[in-house]
Amino acid sequence: AVKRILKYLKGTLSYGLHMQPAIVGSPISLTALCDAIDDRRSTSRSAIFSGPNLISWRSRK
């Protein structure tokens, strides 16, 4: 497992994050929704933003 992680890290050294400056005093916002239209199983999604920057997202069925 350690070799696999090191191989992944070696292949992603040039990757990075681009963060835009948030407006001073802008709150962290949470956007979420849930639906069960197509197959009667609910799907929930959420996203957390700090200003214009996506910090975390999640989708679960």
C-alpha atoms as a PDB file:
ATOM      1  CA  ALA A   1       0.000   0.000   0.000  1.00  0.00           C
ATOM      2  CA  VAL A   2       2.858   2.401   0.776  1.00  0.00           C
ATOM      3  CA  LYS A   3       4.423   1.827  -2.662  1.00  0.00           C
ATOM      4  CA  ARG A   4       1.099   2.633  -4.299  1.00  0.00           C
ATOM      5  CA  ILE A   5       0.770   5.894  -2.352  1.00  0.00           C
ATOM      6  CA  LEU A   6       4.344   6.930  -3.183  1.00  0.00           C
ATOM      7  CA  LYS A   7       3.784   6.133  -6.873  1.00  0.00           C
ATOM      8  CA  TYR A   8       0.634   8.280  -6.850  1.00  0.00           C
ATOM      9  CA  LEU A   9       2.431  11.172  -5.142  1.00  0.00           C
ATOM     10  CA  LYS A  10       5.315  10.962  -7.623  1.00  0.00           C
ATOM     11  CA  GLY A  11       2.873  11.230 -10.529  1.00  0.00           C
ATOM     12  CA  THR A  12       1.046  14.234  -9.082  1.00  0.00           C
ATOM     13  CA  LEU A  13       3.942  16.496  -8.059  1.00  0.00           C
ATOM     14  CA  SER A  14       2.967  19.129 -10.642  1.00  0.00           C
ATOM     15  CA  TYR A  15      -0.638  19.343  -9.397  1.00  0.00           C
ATOM     16  CA  GLY A  16      -1.723  22.264  -7.288  1.00  0.00           C
ATOM     17  CA  LEU A  17      -4.659  24.295  -6.081  1.00  0.00           C
ATOM     18  CA  HIS A  18      -5.628  27.742  -7.269  1.00  0.00           C
ATOM     19  CA  MET A  19      -7.432  29.663  -4.560  1.00  0.00           C
ATOM     20  CA  GLN A  20      -8.996  33.041  -5.217  1.00  0.00           C
ATOM     21  CA  PRO A  21      -8.904  35.526  -2.371  1.00  0.00           C
ATOM     22  CA  ALA A  22     -12.142  35.552  -0.434  1.00  0.00           C
ATOM     23  CA  ILE A  23     -13.843  38.804   0.408  1.00  0.00           C
ATOM     24  CA  VAL A  24     -12.956  39.818   3.954  1.00  0.00           C
ATOM     25  CA  GLY A  25     -15.755  38.758   6.248  1.00  0.00           C
ATOM     26  CA  SER A  26     -17.377  36.438   3.695  1.00  0.00           C
ATOM     27  CA  PRO A  27     -18.957  33.470   5.448  1.00  0.00           C
ATOM     28  CA  ILE A  28     -18.340  29.832   4.712  1.00  0.00           C
ATOM     29  CA  SER A  29     -21.436  28.537   2.937  1.00  0.00           C
ATOM     30  CA  LEU A  30     -22.894  25.041   2.761  1.00  0.00           C
ATOM     31  CA  THR A  31     -25.046  24.047  -0.191  1.00  0.00           C
ATOM     32  CA  ALA A  32     -26.926  20.743  -0.028  1.00  0.00           C
ATOM     33  CA  LEU A  33     -29.794  18.976  -1.756  1.00  0.00           C
ATOM     34  CA  CYS A  34     -31.537  15.631  -1.673  1.00  0.00           C
ATOM     35  CA  ASP A  35     -33.753  13.903  -4.246  1.00  0.00           C
ATOM     36  CA  ALA A  36     -35.377  10.539  -4.932  1.00  0.00           C
ATOM     37  CA  ILE A  37     -37.182  11.159  -8.219  1.00  0.00           C
ATOM     38  CA  ASP A  38     -35.829   8.505 -10.611  1.00  0.00           C
ATOM     39  CA  ASP A  39     -35.316   5.327  -8.621  1.00  0.00           C
ATOM     40  CA  ARG A  40     -36.956   6.019  -5.244  1.00  0.00           C
ATOM     41  CA  ARG A  41     -33.569   5.975  -3.535  1.00  0.00           C
ATOM     42  CA  SER A  42     -32.497   9.283  -2.146  1.00  0.00           C
ATOM     43  CA  THR A  43     -29.336  10.934  -3.363  1.00  0.00           C
ATOM     44  CA  SER A  44     -27.819  13.645  -1.230  1.00  0.00           C
ATOM     45  CA  ARG A  45     -25.122  16.079  -2.281  1.00  0.00           C
ATOM     46  CA  SER A  46     -23.345  18.831  -0.453  1.00  0.00           C
ATOM     47  CA  ALA A  47     -20.664  21.404  -1.208  1.00  0.00           C
ATOM     48  CA  ILE A  48     -18.783  23.689   1.157  1.00  0.00           C
ATOM     49  CA  PHE A  49     -17.462  27.003  -0.164  1.00  0.00           C
ATOM     50  CA  SER A  50     -15.207  29.631   1.355  1.00  0.00           C
ATOM     51  CA  GLY A  51     -15.922  32.682  -0.777  1.00  0.00           C
ATOM     52  CA  PRO A  52     -15.643  31.498  -4.404  1.00  0.00           C
ATOM     53  CA  ASN A  53     -13.463  28.494  -3.476  1.00  0.00           C
ATOM     54  CA  LEU A  54     -14.856  24.968  -3.253  1.00  0.00           C
ATOM     55  CA  ILE A  55     -13.392  23.415  -0.107  1.00  0.00           C
ATOM     56  CA  SER A  56     -15.208  20.073   0.026  1.00  0.00           C
ATOM     57  CA  TRP A  57     -17.954  18.185  -1.795  1.00  0.00           C
ATOM     58  CA  ARG A  58     -19.778  14.918  -1.232  1.00  0.00           C
ATOM     59  CA  SER A  59     -22.375  12.798  -3.016  1.00  0.00           C
ATOM     60  CA  ARG A  60     -24.036   9.736  -1.568  1.00  0.00           C
ATOM     61  CA  LYS A  61     -26.823   7.421  -2.704  1.00  0.00           C
END
